[in-house]
Amino acid sequence: MNFSDTDTHWMKQALVLAHQSFFITTPNPRVGCVLVNPQGQLIGQGHTQKAGGDHAEIVAIKNAQSLGHIVKGATAYVTLEPCSHHGKTGPCCDALIQAGVSRVVASIQDPFPQVAGQGFARLRQASIQVDVGLCQPEALQINQGFFYRIQHQLPWMRMKIACSLDGQTALQNGQSQWITSQASRTDGHNWRARACAILTGIGTVLQDDPQLNVRDVQTLRQPPLIIVDSQLQTPLNAKLWQTQRTVLIYHATNANTQQAQALTGKGAQLILLPDAQNKVDLHAMAQDLAKRPFNEIHVEAGFKLNGSLLKAQCVQELLIYMAPVLVGSGAGMAQLGVLEQLTQAQAFHFTESIHLGSDLRIRAQRDTI
């Protein structure tokens, strides 16, 4: 399909709108929609609201109508296939049909089995021109976790690591605050805010007593917190309890204890998933998180859990903040054990590197995806 420069202009505007829904739509995909009349004028726009609220197409139609514009004959530019099923809202393809649009330009087909091309089919049956594929890579990137969960029944797990130039995340005495700059820490809060949930381990909870909430950026929601805590050692006075949100604790021990009851009393949900070594089965945990459903998991853990998650093939992306300092011997990024051959190394490829203050932010994605 050959799209015009005008098509590209309006789809880029729809992508901007999709970005505005990053912090609110989970577990739904982030979608933007722009309505343009036959004279080439913008008449309505919108993005998907929080789960249970209007999808992007409905917001755009309502926006146009509130401004007194006629939607009939307009072109809808939407970053994802309009849905065709009844969930918490009605089908967006039906709303576009009823509004009388003449053309729909979409970036990418929805992988959700209850849609998966059916929205496009319904639009075409209503004699609406449907063109698909404009800005597809950008649209996929916005909803990478959603696509990955639907296609693999696993969440997209992004591991955040703040380290020195020599790859250390803390000194030998455990001190780690702060290796990286304020700019990096603020950016890290953006990634926390966009995630469906934040994951950490009991080692980090006991060592650092972190809050692990979103503070440095504005957000309407605090993502749930997931703790990998095999023996249910999470302190009842930890700072993490100061934030009102869902807390999930995956463990591998008897839940009929006073500590377990106390954690439940704090509002935590305890999920028993032991492996053969009486630790949490991390792959089973990832499968369970996908069913909840969580699209993107933001990991902020210590080098031991980092290594275990990587060895379990649970991590799809690395988000590394590297400060231009050398700190010598300390705690590395991930405890992977001793390899005997380079062919045993876990391979990633770089997808981005940018400067943040004095630091370098590096993103890398697993090669096997």
Protein backbone atom coordinates (compact mmCIF):
# COMPACT_ATOMS: atom_id res chain seq x y z
CA MET A 1 0.00 0.00 0.00
CA ASN A 2 1.38 3.40 -1.01
CA PHE A 3 0.35 6.00 1.54
CA SER A 4 0.51 9.74 0.87
CA ASP A 5 2.47 12.30 2.84
CA THR A 6 -0.88 13.52 4.17
CA ASP A 7 -1.70 10.04 5.44
CA THR A 8 1.67 9.87 7.20
CA HIS A 9 1.16 13.30 8.76
CA TRP A 10 -2.15 12.35 10.34
CA MET A 11 -1.00 8.91 11.45
CA LYS A 12 1.96 10.48 13.24
CA GLN A 13 -0.54 12.68 15.06
CA ALA A 14 -2.48 9.56 16.04
CA LEU A 15 0.75 8.03 17.37
CA VAL A 16 1.35 11.13 19.49
CA LEU A 17 -2.11 10.65 20.96
CA ALA A 18 -1.41 6.97 21.64
CA HIS A 19 1.63 8.01 23.67
CA GLN A 20 -0.66 10.12 25.86
CA SER A 21 -2.41 6.96 27.04
CA PHE A 22 0.78 5.20 28.19
CA PHE A 23 0.13 5.51 31.93
CA ILE A 24 -3.59 4.72 32.02
CA THR A 25 -4.85 1.99 29.68
CA THR A 26 -3.36 -1.20 31.13
CA PRO A 27 -4.20 -3.97 30.36
CA ASN A 28 -5.71 -2.52 27.19
CA PRO A 29 -3.46 -1.40 24.31
CA ARG A 30 -2.51 2.26 23.89
CA VAL A 31 -4.31 3.64 20.84
CA GLY A 32 -4.68 7.04 19.21
CA CYS A 33 -7.26 8.15 16.62
CA VAL A 34 -7.56 11.20 14.38
CA LEU A 35 -10.59 12.12 12.25
CA VAL A 36 -10.03 14.22 9.11
CA ASN A 37 -12.87 15.51 6.90
CA PRO A 38 -12.88 15.33 3.07
CA GLN A 39 -11.46 18.87 2.96
CA GLY A 40 -8.37 17.68 4.84
CA GLN A 41 -9.27 19.36 8.13
CA LEU A 42 -8.84 17.82 11.56
CA ILE A 43 -12.30 17.46 13.12
CA GLY A 44 -11.74 15.11 16.07
CA GLN A 45 -9.06 13.24 17.95
CA GLY A 46 -8.57 11.13 21.05
CA HIS A 47 -6.78 8.29 22.76
CA THR A 48 -7.90 5.26 24.71
CA GLN A 49 -8.94 5.96 28.29
CA LYS A 50 -8.36 3.75 31.33
CA ALA A 51 -9.78 0.21 31.26
CA GLY A 52 -13.57 0.35 31.09
CA GLY A 53 -13.53 3.81 29.52
CA ASP A 54 -13.88 4.87 25.91
CA HIS A 55 -11.48 3.61 23.26
CA ALA A 56 -9.65 6.06 21.01
CA GLU A 57 -12.18 5.93 18.16
CA ILE A 58 -15.11 6.72 20.47
CA VAL A 59 -13.21 9.60 22.09
CA ALA A 60 -12.39 11.04 18.65
CA ILE A 61 -16.01 10.75 17.44
CA LYS A 62 -17.33 12.40 20.60
CA ASN A 63 -14.69 15.12 20.29
CA ALA A 64 -15.77 15.88 16.71
CA GLN A 65 -19.45 15.92 17.62
CA SER A 66 -18.85 18.18 20.63
CA LEU A 67 -17.19 20.69 18.29
CA GLY A 68 -20.16 20.59 15.91
CA HIS A 69 -18.34 18.75 13.11
CA ILE A 70 -19.94 16.25 10.75
CA VAL A 71 -18.14 12.92 10.91
CA LYS A 72 -19.83 11.42 7.84
CA GLY A 73 -17.35 11.04 4.98
CA ALA A 74 -14.30 11.51 7.22
CA THR A 75 -11.13 9.41 7.27
CA ALA A 76 -10.19 7.81 10.58
CA TYR A 77 -6.48 7.34 11.27
CA VAL A 78 -6.07 4.80 14.06
CA THR A 79 -2.91 3.15 15.41
CA LEU A 80 -4.54 -0.27 15.96
CA GLU A 81 -7.35 -2.19 14.29
CA PRO A 82 -10.74 -1.02 15.65
CA CYS A 83 -12.12 -3.68 17.99
CA SER A 84 -15.03 -5.84 16.87
CA HIS A 85 -16.19 -7.45 20.12
CA HIS A 86 -18.20 -6.51 23.18
CA GLY A 87 -15.96 -6.18 26.23
CA LYS A 88 -16.38 -3.41 28.79
CA THR A 89 -17.23 -1.20 25.80
CA GLY A 90 -18.97 -1.77 22.48
CA PRO A 91 -17.20 -2.52 19.18
CA CYS A 92 -15.31 0.50 17.82
CA CYS A 93 -15.76 -0.72 14.24
CA ASP A 94 -19.54 -0.42 14.70
CA ALA A 95 -19.15 3.11 16.07
CA LEU A 96 -17.12 4.12 13.01
CA ILE A 97 -19.72 2.56 10.71
CA GLN A 98 -22.57 4.36 12.47
CA ALA A 99 -20.65 7.64 12.36
CA GLY A 100 -20.40 7.28 8.56
CA VAL A 101 -16.65 7.42 8.01
CA SER A 102 -15.63 6.63 4.44
CA ARG A 103 -12.09 5.38 5.07
CA VAL A 104 -10.08 3.86 7.91
CA VAL A 105 -6.27 3.94 7.85
CA ALA A 106 -4.80 1.65 10.51
CA SER A 107 -1.21 0.92 11.49
CA ILE A 108 -1.51 -2.71 12.44
CA GLN A 109 -3.93 -5.59 12.97
CA ASP A 110 -4.99 -6.36 16.55
CA PRO A 111 -3.55 -9.75 17.66
CA PHE A 112 -6.33 -10.30 20.21
CA PRO A 113 -8.19 -13.46 19.07
CA GLN A 114 -11.62 -11.83 19.40
CA VAL A 115 -10.53 -9.13 16.93
CA ALA A 116 -7.64 -10.38 14.72
CA GLY A 117 -8.89 -8.91 11.44
CA GLN A 118 -12.61 -9.07 12.20
CA GLY A 119 -12.76 -5.31 12.77
CA PHE A 120 -11.31 -4.69 9.32
CA ALA A 121 -13.72 -7.23 7.79
CA ARG A 122 -16.76 -5.54 9.35
CA LEU A 123 -15.64 -2.14 8.08
CA ARG A 124 -15.14 -3.47 4.54
CA GLN A 125 -18.53 -5.18 4.63
CA ALA A 126 -19.97 -1.73 5.32
CA SER A 127 -18.24 -0.46 2.14
CA ILE A 128 -15.64 1.49 4.08
CA GLN A 129 -12.17 1.64 2.51
CA VAL A 130 -9.61 0.07 4.84
CA ASP A 131 -5.85 0.58 4.38
CA VAL A 132 -3.45 -1.12 6.79
CA GLY A 133 0.29 -0.85 7.49
CA LEU A 134 1.07 2.86 7.87
CA CYS A 135 3.69 3.46 10.61
CA GLN A 136 3.41 -0.16 11.69
CA PRO A 137 6.82 -0.40 13.46
CA GLU A 138 6.03 2.65 15.59
CA ALA A 139 2.58 1.34 16.49
CA LEU A 140 4.01 -2.06 17.41
CA GLN A 141 6.63 -0.46 19.65
CA ILE A 142 3.95 1.42 21.59
CA ASN A 143 2.14 -1.83 22.39
CA GLN A 144 5.06 -4.25 22.42
CA GLY A 145 3.97 -5.80 25.71
CA PHE A 146 0.37 -6.28 24.58
CA PHE A 147 1.42 -7.99 21.36
CA TYR A 148 3.97 -10.17 23.15
CA ARG A 149 1.49 -11.32 25.81
CA ILE A 150 -1.18 -12.22 23.27
CA GLN A 151 1.26 -14.06 21.02
CA HIS A 152 3.37 -15.86 23.67
CA GLN A 153 1.14 -15.93 26.78
CA LEU A 154 3.97 -14.21 28.65
CA PRO A 155 4.49 -10.59 29.71
CA TRP A 156 7.15 -8.39 28.15
CA MET A 157 9.65 -8.21 31.02
CA ARG A 158 11.94 -5.18 30.94
CA MET A 159 14.86 -5.26 33.40
CA LYS A 160 16.08 -1.89 34.61
CA ILE A 161 19.69 -1.73 35.79
CA ALA A 162 21.59 1.31 37.08
CA CYS A 163 25.33 0.70 37.00
CA SER A 164 28.81 2.16 36.81
CA LEU A 165 31.01 2.17 33.73
CA ASP A 166 32.57 -1.06 35.00
CA GLY A 167 29.19 -2.74 35.35
CA GLN A 168 28.70 -2.55 39.11
CA THR A 169 25.25 -1.87 40.59
CA ALA A 170 26.47 -1.41 44.17
CA LEU A 171 29.63 -1.35 46.26
CA GLN A 172 30.69 -4.45 48.18
CA ASN A 173 29.14 -2.95 51.32
CA GLY A 174 25.80 -2.69 49.51
CA GLN A 175 25.79 1.08 48.95
CA SER A 176 24.10 1.95 45.65
CA GLN A 177 22.41 5.34 46.16
CA TRP A 178 23.16 7.00 43.89
CA ILE A 179 25.38 5.67 41.13
CA THR A 180 23.40 7.38 38.38
CA SER A 181 22.10 10.93 38.02
CA GLN A 182 18.75 12.48 38.86
CA ALA A 183 17.93 12.59 35.14
CA SER A 184 18.27 8.81 34.97
CA ARG A 185 16.18 8.30 38.10
CA THR A 186 13.39 10.51 36.75
CA ASP A 187 13.44 8.61 33.46
CA GLY A 188 13.25 5.37 35.41
CA HIS A 189 10.04 6.59 37.02
CA ASN A 190 8.57 7.13 33.55
CA TRP A 191 9.23 3.46 32.80
CA ARG A 192 7.69 2.46 36.13
CA ALA A 193 4.59 4.50 35.36
CA ARG A 194 4.04 2.94 31.92
CA ALA A 195 4.44 -0.63 33.19
CA CYS A 196 1.51 -2.84 34.11
CA ALA A 197 3.41 -3.87 37.25
CA ILE A 198 6.78 -3.47 38.99
CA LEU A 199 8.73 -6.56 40.07
CA THR A 200 11.42 -6.91 42.70
CA GLY A 201 12.93 -9.54 44.97
CA ILE A 202 13.10 -10.00 48.71
CA GLY A 203 16.85 -9.27 48.62
CA THR A 204 16.21 -5.74 47.38
CA VAL A 205 13.39 -5.25 49.89
CA LEU A 206 15.61 -6.28 52.82
CA GLN A 207 18.76 -4.50 51.59
CA ASP A 208 17.35 -1.16 50.37
CA ASP A 209 13.82 -0.93 51.84
CA PRO A 210 12.61 0.83 48.67
CA GLN A 211 9.15 2.27 48.03
CA LEU A 212 9.18 1.11 44.40
CA ASN A 213 6.35 3.45 43.44
CA VAL A 214 6.00 6.26 40.89
CA ARG A 215 7.06 9.59 42.37
CA ASP A 216 9.07 11.69 39.92
CA VAL A 217 6.39 11.85 37.20
CA GLN A 218 2.66 12.52 37.34
CA THR A 219 0.46 9.46 37.06
CA LEU A 220 -3.16 8.56 37.76
CA ARG A 221 -2.28 5.03 38.87
CA GLN A 222 0.34 3.27 40.93
CA PRO A 223 1.32 0.00 39.21
CA PRO A 224 0.90 -3.17 41.26
CA LEU A 225 4.03 -4.42 43.01
CA ILE A 226 5.24 -8.00 42.56
CA ILE A 227 7.67 -9.45 45.10
CA VAL A 228 9.57 -12.71 44.60
CA ASP A 229 9.84 -13.86 48.23
CA SER A 230 10.31 -17.62 48.51
CA GLN A 231 10.17 -17.79 52.33
CA LEU A 232 7.73 -14.91 52.96
CA GLN A 233 10.27 -12.63 54.62
CA THR A 234 8.76 -9.30 53.50
CA PRO A 235 8.79 -7.01 56.58
CA LEU A 236 5.44 -5.70 57.75
CA ASN A 237 6.98 -2.24 58.33
CA ALA A 238 8.68 -1.97 54.92
CA LYS A 239 8.30 1.32 53.04
CA LEU A 240 6.62 -0.48 50.13
CA TRP A 241 3.40 -0.65 52.17
CA GLN A 242 3.17 3.15 52.25
CA THR A 243 1.75 3.23 48.72
CA GLN A 244 -1.85 2.17 48.14
CA ARG A 245 -1.79 -0.45 45.38
CA THR A 246 -2.04 -4.17 44.73
CA VAL A 247 0.86 -6.23 46.11
CA LEU A 248 1.45 -9.75 44.82
CA ILE A 249 3.94 -11.98 46.66
CA TYR A 250 5.12 -15.14 44.92
CA HIS A 251 6.46 -17.66 47.39
CA ALA A 252 7.45 -21.31 47.86
CA THR A 253 6.66 -21.98 51.50
CA ASN A 254 3.75 -22.79 53.81
CA ALA A 255 1.14 -20.05 53.71
CA ASN A 256 -0.51 -21.20 56.96
CA THR A 257 1.85 -19.22 59.19
CA GLN A 258 1.51 -16.13 61.32
CA GLN A 259 3.72 -14.19 58.88
CA ALA A 260 1.62 -15.26 55.91
CA GLN A 261 -1.56 -14.22 57.68
CA ALA A 262 -0.01 -10.89 58.60
CA LEU A 263 1.01 -10.23 54.99
CA THR A 264 -2.50 -11.11 53.84
CA GLY A 265 -3.79 -8.73 56.49
CA LYS A 266 -1.69 -5.99 54.91
CA GLY A 267 -3.59 -6.63 51.69
CA ALA A 268 -1.02 -8.76 49.88
CA GLN A 269 -2.07 -11.57 47.57
CA LEU A 270 0.08 -14.67 48.19
CA ILE A 271 0.72 -16.98 45.23
CA LEU A 272 2.39 -20.33 45.90
CA LEU A 273 4.58 -21.43 42.97
CA PRO A 274 7.50 -23.57 44.21
CA ASP A 275 10.10 -25.21 42.01
CA ALA A 276 12.16 -28.32 42.78
CA GLN A 277 14.66 -26.28 44.83
CA ASN A 278 11.89 -24.78 47.00
CA LYS A 279 12.31 -21.40 45.33
CA VAL A 280 9.74 -19.56 43.21
CA ASP A 281 9.26 -21.11 39.77
CA LEU A 282 10.01 -17.98 37.75
CA HIS A 283 8.74 -19.24 34.40
CA ALA A 284 5.46 -20.34 35.99
CA MET A 285 5.27 -16.92 37.65
CA ALA A 286 5.65 -15.20 34.26
CA GLN A 287 2.85 -17.35 32.83
CA ASP A 288 0.64 -16.47 35.78
CA LEU A 289 1.37 -12.74 35.39
CA ALA A 290 0.29 -12.91 31.73
CA LYS A 291 -3.05 -14.39 32.78
CA ARG A 292 -3.80 -11.55 35.22
CA PRO A 293 -3.28 -9.89 32.58
CA PHE A 294 -0.04 -7.86 32.71
CA ASN A 295 1.51 -6.76 29.40
CA GLU A 296 4.72 -5.07 30.58
CA ILE A 297 6.62 -5.91 33.76
CA HIS A 298 9.26 -3.44 34.97
CA VAL A 299 11.97 -5.29 36.90
CA GLU A 300 14.04 -3.51 39.57
CA ALA A 301 15.86 -6.21 41.49
CA GLY A 302 19.29 -7.23 42.72
CA PHE A 303 21.94 -9.11 40.78
CA LYS A 304 20.84 -12.52 42.13
CA LEU A 305 17.21 -12.30 41.00
CA ASN A 306 18.31 -10.56 37.79
CA GLY A 307 20.47 -13.55 37.00
CA SER A 308 17.73 -16.03 37.84
CA LEU A 309 15.19 -14.23 35.65
CA LEU A 310 17.64 -14.09 32.76
CA LYS A 311 18.54 -17.77 33.10
CA ALA A 312 14.83 -18.63 33.14
CA GLN A 313 14.45 -16.74 29.82
CA CYS A 314 11.85 -14.44 31.40
CA VAL A 315 13.48 -11.15 30.35
CA GLN A 316 12.95 -9.73 26.86
CA GLU A 317 14.58 -6.31 27.26
CA LEU A 318 17.35 -4.62 29.23
CA LEU A 319 17.04 -0.96 30.24
CA ILE A 320 20.49 0.06 31.44
CA TYR A 321 21.48 3.41 32.93
CA MET A 322 25.29 3.63 32.90
CA ALA A 323 27.10 6.32 34.85
CA PRO A 324 30.60 7.47 33.75
CA VAL A 325 32.27 6.33 36.97
CA LEU A 326 34.47 3.40 37.96
CA VAL A 327 33.75 1.92 41.38
CA GLY A 328 35.86 -1.24 41.41
CA SER A 329 34.71 -4.52 42.89
CA GLY A 330 31.05 -4.70 43.91
CA ALA A 331 27.74 -6.22 42.86
CA GLY A 332 27.41 -6.83 39.14
CA MET A 333 24.36 -6.54 36.90
CA ALA A 334 23.31 -10.18 37.06
CA GLN A 335 24.58 -13.36 38.65
CA LEU A 336 24.67 -15.76 35.73
CA GLY A 337 27.26 -18.19 37.03
CA VAL A 338 30.44 -19.26 35.30
CA LEU A 339 30.27 -19.93 31.56
CA GLU A 340 32.70 -22.29 29.89
CA GLN A 341 32.18 -21.07 26.32
CA LEU A 342 31.16 -17.76 24.76
CA THR A 343 28.43 -19.60 22.84
CA GLN A 344 26.65 -19.99 26.20
CA ALA A 345 26.33 -16.22 26.54
CA GLN A 346 22.86 -14.68 26.45
CA ALA A 347 22.68 -12.60 23.29
CA PHE A 348 20.94 -9.22 23.01
CA HIS A 349 21.03 -6.53 20.36
CA PHE A 350 21.08 -2.81 20.99
CA THR A 351 17.90 -0.94 20.07
CA GLU A 352 18.69 2.50 21.49
CA SER A 353 21.35 4.55 23.25
CA ILE A 354 20.83 8.13 24.42
CA HIS A 355 22.44 10.55 26.89
CA LEU A 356 20.51 11.42 30.04
CA GLY A 357 22.30 14.09 32.00
CA SER A 358 25.78 12.69 32.57
CA ASP A 359 24.63 9.09 32.02
CA LEU A 360 24.03 6.84 29.05
CA ARG A 361 20.73 4.98 28.71
CA ILE A 362 21.02 1.77 26.73
CA ARG A 363 18.16 -0.44 25.61
CA ALA A 364 18.82 -3.96 24.37
CA GLN A 365 16.43 -6.70 23.26
CA ARG A 366 16.91 -10.43 23.38
CA ASP A 367 18.02 -11.87 20.04
CA THR A 368 15.70 -14.86 20.13
CA ILE A 369 12.48 -12.80 20.12
